[in-house]
């Protein structure tokens, strides 16, 4: 490996972790925002499949309808895991191919997440953060 390649790889790695650090937010703080926002405007109820379908049909229109708003999303658990930043998430099946609704939880919900099972139907409340491959909900809690 040349010196240039090593430097390029190092820079790429640092940039990747920097982007992940910016992208990952404090879900406990967002969970508080969800409670405060819900007091002034009701949460939008939607199924995971409908939410994902709306984003697939027109991401701009879906952002206007959902992004930054509190959603109550019902669906079937596809996965229960932690991401590269060790953040807890649950995916709700959005379509039959690759798209899901990815729900991020603060560490306060670790015991709740540990009791969930793939294939289980649940309802999650959280703040929509738009679509980045999956539709993202942050500051989530199981209802």
C-alpha atoms as a PDB file:
ATOM      1  CA  UNK A   1       0.000   0.000   0.000  1.00  0.00           C
ATOM      2  CA  UNK A   2       1.451   3.361  -0.989  1.00  0.00           C
ATOM      3  CA  UNK A   3       1.758   6.300   1.379  1.00  0.00           C
ATOM      4  CA  UNK A   4      -0.882   8.196  -0.592  1.00  0.00           C
ATOM      5  CA  UNK A   5      -3.332   5.281  -0.336  1.00  0.00           C
ATOM      6  CA  UNK A   6      -2.773   5.039   3.420  1.00  0.00           C
ATOM      7  CA  UNK A   7      -3.430   8.770   3.853  1.00  0.00           C
ATOM      8  CA  UNK A   8      -6.516   8.601   1.669  1.00  0.00           C
ATOM      9  CA  UNK A   9      -7.846   5.653   3.648  1.00  0.00           C
ATOM     10  CA  UNK A  10      -7.170   7.467   6.943  1.00  0.00           C
ATOM     11  CA  UNK A  11      -8.914  10.619   5.767  1.00  0.00           C
ATOM     12  CA  UNK A  12     -11.885   8.614   4.498  1.00  0.00           C
ATOM     13  CA  UNK A  13     -12.179   6.785   7.818  1.00  0.00           C
ATOM     14  CA  UNK A  14     -12.031  10.011   9.846  1.00  0.00           C
ATOM     15  CA  UNK A  15     -14.614  11.654   7.578  1.00  0.00           C
ATOM     16  CA  UNK A  16     -16.932   8.652   7.883  1.00  0.00           C
ATOM     17  CA  UNK A  17     -16.816   8.742  11.697  1.00  0.00           C
ATOM     18  CA  UNK A  18     -17.281  12.530  11.647  1.00  0.00           C
ATOM     19  CA  UNK A  19     -20.396  12.193   9.475  1.00  0.00           C
ATOM     20  CA  UNK A  20     -21.756   9.433  11.733  1.00  0.00           C
ATOM     21  CA  UNK A  21     -21.167  11.595  14.799  1.00  0.00           C
ATOM     22  CA  UNK A  22     -23.092  14.475  13.246  1.00  0.00           C
ATOM     23  CA  UNK A  23     -25.867  12.197  11.971  1.00  0.00           C
ATOM     24  CA  UNK A  24     -26.383  10.435  15.283  1.00  0.00           C
ATOM     25  CA  UNK A  25     -28.267  12.684  17.629  1.00  0.00           C
ATOM     26  CA  UNK A  26     -29.216  12.457  21.262  1.00  0.00           C
ATOM     27  CA  UNK A  27     -32.383  10.351  21.167  1.00  0.00           C
ATOM     28  CA  UNK A  28     -33.164  11.145  24.801  1.00  0.00           C
ATOM     29  CA  UNK A  29     -33.280  14.859  23.915  1.00  0.00           C
ATOM     30  CA  UNK A  30     -35.460  14.162  20.871  1.00  0.00           C
ATOM     31  CA  UNK A  31     -37.750  11.993  23.021  1.00  0.00           C
ATOM     32  CA  UNK A  32     -38.336  15.071  25.230  1.00  0.00           C
ATOM     33  CA  UNK A  33     -39.063  17.154  22.119  1.00  0.00           C
ATOM     34  CA  UNK A  34     -41.598  14.502  21.032  1.00  0.00           C
ATOM     35  CA  UNK A  35     -43.461  14.896  24.341  1.00  0.00           C
ATOM     36  CA  UNK A  36     -43.408  18.696  24.109  1.00  0.00           C
ATOM     37  CA  UNK A  37     -44.496  18.764  20.458  1.00  0.00           C
ATOM     38  CA  UNK A  38     -47.295  16.292  21.078  1.00  0.00           C
ATOM     39  CA  UNK A  39     -48.781  18.702  23.639  1.00  0.00           C
ATOM     40  CA  UNK A  40     -49.257  21.348  20.936  1.00  0.00           C
ATOM     41  CA  UNK A  41     -50.069  19.202  17.914  1.00  0.00           C
ATOM     42  CA  UNK A  42     -51.415  15.650  17.725  1.00  0.00           C
ATOM     43  CA  UNK A  43     -49.229  12.841  16.448  1.00  0.00           C
ATOM     44  CA  UNK A  44     -49.834  11.535  12.938  1.00  0.00           C
ATOM     45  CA  UNK A  45     -50.937   7.879  12.939  1.00  0.00           C
ATOM     46  CA  UNK A  46     -49.626   5.811  10.013  1.00  0.00           C
ATOM     47  CA  UNK A  47     -48.602   2.231   9.274  1.00  0.00           C
ATOM     48  CA  UNK A  48     -44.949   1.479   8.508  1.00  0.00           C
ATOM     49  CA  UNK A  49     -45.895   0.195   5.041  1.00  0.00           C
ATOM     50  CA  UNK A  50     -47.882   3.360   4.239  1.00  0.00           C
ATOM     51  CA  UNK A  51     -45.127   5.649   5.560  1.00  0.00           C
ATOM     52  CA  UNK A  52     -42.496   3.912   3.447  1.00  0.00           C
ATOM     53  CA  UNK A  53     -44.818   3.863   0.404  1.00  0.00           C
ATOM     54  CA  UNK A  54     -45.406   7.615   0.751  1.00  0.00           C
ATOM     55  CA  UNK A  55     -41.650   8.245   0.779  1.00  0.00           C
ATOM     56  CA  UNK A  56     -41.126   5.972  -2.226  1.00  0.00           C
ATOM     57  CA  UNK A  57     -43.899   7.672  -4.185  1.00  0.00           C
ATOM     58  CA  UNK A  58     -42.647  11.233  -3.598  1.00  0.00           C
ATOM     59  CA  UNK A  59     -39.946  12.024  -1.050  1.00  0.00           C
ATOM     60  CA  UNK A  60     -40.550  15.789  -1.262  1.00  0.00           C
ATOM     61  CA  UNK A  61     -44.285  15.458  -0.520  1.00  0.00           C
ATOM     62  CA  UNK A  62     -43.607  12.904   2.232  1.00  0.00           C
ATOM     63  CA  UNK A  63     -41.078  15.245   3.882  1.00  0.00           C
ATOM     64  CA  UNK A  64     -43.685  18.024   3.868  1.00  0.00           C
ATOM     65  CA  UNK A  65     -46.231  15.688   5.433  1.00  0.00           C
ATOM     66  CA  UNK A  66     -44.039  13.842   7.976  1.00  0.00           C
ATOM     67  CA  UNK A  67     -40.531  15.263   8.494  1.00  0.00           C
ATOM     68  CA  UNK A  68     -40.033  16.963  11.849  1.00  0.00           C
ATOM     69  CA  UNK A  69     -43.412  15.756  13.061  1.00  0.00           C
ATOM     70  CA  UNK A  70     -44.369  13.263  15.747  1.00  0.00           C
ATOM     71  CA  UNK A  71     -45.594   9.992  14.251  1.00  0.00           C
ATOM     72  CA  UNK A  72     -47.259   6.956  15.770  1.00  0.00           C
ATOM     73  CA  UNK A  73     -46.215   4.117  13.463  1.00  0.00           C
ATOM     74  CA  UNK A  74     -47.566   0.565  13.588  1.00  0.00           C
ATOM     75  CA  UNK A  75     -45.828  -2.351  11.937  1.00  0.00           C
ATOM     76  CA  UNK A  76     -44.053  -5.671  12.132  1.00  0.00           C
ATOM     77  CA  UNK A  77     -40.535  -5.860  13.552  1.00  0.00           C
ATOM     78  CA  UNK A  78     -37.949  -6.850  10.965  1.00  0.00           C
ATOM     79  CA  UNK A  79     -34.812  -6.335  13.030  1.00  0.00           C
ATOM     80  CA  UNK A  80     -33.676  -5.368  16.539  1.00  0.00           C
ATOM     81  CA  UNK A  81     -30.057  -4.236  16.724  1.00  0.00           C
ATOM     82  CA  UNK A  82     -27.462  -1.507  17.321  1.00  0.00           C
ATOM     83  CA  UNK A  83     -25.853   0.598  14.622  1.00  0.00           C
ATOM     84  CA  UNK A  84     -22.151   1.366  14.204  1.00  0.00           C
ATOM     85  CA  UNK A  85     -22.450   4.146  16.829  1.00  0.00           C
ATOM     86  CA  UNK A  86     -23.999   1.619  19.283  1.00  0.00           C
ATOM     87  CA  UNK A  87     -27.453   3.255  19.037  1.00  0.00           C
ATOM     88  CA  UNK A  88     -30.428   0.938  19.625  1.00  0.00           C
ATOM     89  CA  UNK A  89     -32.866   0.607  16.751  1.00  0.00           C
ATOM     90  CA  UNK A  90     -35.801  -1.479  15.618  1.00  0.00           C
ATOM     91  CA  UNK A  91     -36.872  -1.723  12.002  1.00  0.00           C
ATOM     92  CA  UNK A  92     -40.516  -1.982  11.045  1.00  0.00           C
ATOM     93  CA  UNK A  93     -41.139  -3.641   7.695  1.00  0.00           C
ATOM     94  CA  UNK A  94     -41.868  -1.021   5.062  1.00  0.00           C
ATOM     95  CA  UNK A  95     -41.941  -3.075   1.880  1.00  0.00           C
ATOM     96  CA  UNK A  96     -41.055  -6.557   0.715  1.00  0.00           C
ATOM     97  CA  UNK A  97     -37.704  -5.654  -0.835  1.00  0.00           C
ATOM     98  CA  UNK A  98     -35.304  -3.344   1.020  1.00  0.00           C
ATOM     99  CA  UNK A  99     -37.158  -0.432   2.581  1.00  0.00           C
ATOM    100  CA  UNK A 100     -38.004  -0.213   6.262  1.00  0.00           C
ATOM    101  CA  UNK A 101     -38.845   2.316   8.935  1.00  0.00           C
ATOM    102  CA  UNK A 102     -35.845   2.498  11.275  1.00  0.00           C
ATOM    103  CA  UNK A 103     -36.782   3.557  14.812  1.00  0.00           C
ATOM    104  CA  UNK A 104     -33.970   4.782  17.098  1.00  0.00           C
ATOM    105  CA  UNK A 105     -34.275   4.574  20.885  1.00  0.00           C
ATOM    106  CA  UNK A 106     -32.302   6.131  23.742  1.00  0.00           C
ATOM    107  CA  UNK A 107     -30.448   3.813  26.114  1.00  0.00           C
ATOM    108  CA  UNK A 108     -33.307   4.286  28.604  1.00  0.00           C
ATOM    109  CA  UNK A 109     -35.282   1.850  26.424  1.00  0.00           C
ATOM    110  CA  UNK A 110     -32.667  -0.933  26.437  1.00  0.00           C
ATOM    111  CA  UNK A 111     -34.753  -3.315  28.567  1.00  0.00           C
ATOM    112  CA  UNK A 112     -37.840  -2.716  26.394  1.00  0.00           C
ATOM    113  CA  UNK A 113     -35.850  -3.385  23.214  1.00  0.00           C
ATOM    114  CA  UNK A 114     -34.379  -6.533  24.755  1.00  0.00           C
ATOM    115  CA  UNK A 115     -37.886  -7.973  25.165  1.00  0.00           C
ATOM    116  CA  UNK A 116     -38.971  -7.398  21.549  1.00  0.00           C
ATOM    117  CA  UNK A 117     -38.992 -10.173  18.951  1.00  0.00           C
ATOM    118  CA  UNK A 118     -38.707 -10.243  15.174  1.00  0.00           C
ATOM    119  CA  UNK A 119     -42.138 -10.674  13.600  1.00  0.00           C
ATOM    120  CA  UNK A 120     -43.875  -9.023  16.551  1.00  0.00           C
ATOM    121  CA  UNK A 121     -46.413  -6.290  15.743  1.00  0.00           C
ATOM    122  CA  UNK A 122     -45.764  -3.061  17.654  1.00  0.00           C
ATOM    123  CA  UNK A 123     -46.592   0.630  17.653  1.00  0.00           C
ATOM    124  CA  UNK A 124     -43.795   3.171  18.030  1.00  0.00           C
ATOM    125  CA  UNK A 125     -43.942   6.921  18.643  1.00  0.00           C
ATOM    126  CA  UNK A 126     -41.086   9.110  17.431  1.00  0.00           C
ATOM    127  CA  UNK A 127     -40.033  12.124  15.399  1.00  0.00           C
ATOM    128  CA  UNK A 128     -39.622  11.643  11.648  1.00  0.00           C
ATOM    129  CA  UNK A 129     -36.173  12.530  10.334  1.00  0.00           C
ATOM    130  CA  UNK A 130     -36.889  11.859   6.653  1.00  0.00           C
ATOM    131  CA  UNK A 131     -35.471   9.125   4.461  1.00  0.00           C
ATOM    132  CA  UNK A 132     -31.882   7.907   4.194  1.00  0.00           C
ATOM    133  CA  UNK A 133     -32.345   4.480   2.571  1.00  0.00           C
ATOM    134  CA  UNK A 134     -34.848   3.726   5.374  1.00  0.00           C
ATOM    135  CA  UNK A 135     -37.371   6.176   6.770  1.00  0.00           C
ATOM    136  CA  UNK A 136     -35.867   7.341  10.079  1.00  0.00           C
ATOM    137  CA  UNK A 137     -37.680   7.943  13.384  1.00  0.00           C
ATOM    138  CA  UNK A 138     -35.714   9.297  16.355  1.00  0.00           C
ATOM    139  CA  UNK A 139     -36.494   9.660  20.052  1.00  0.00           C
ATOM    140  CA  UNK A 140     -38.749   6.625  19.867  1.00  0.00           C
ATOM    141  CA  UNK A 141     -40.748   4.808  22.498  1.00  0.00           C
ATOM    142  CA  UNK A 142     -42.893   1.676  22.229  1.00  0.00           C
ATOM    143  CA  UNK A 143     -46.567   2.451  22.762  1.00  0.00           C
END
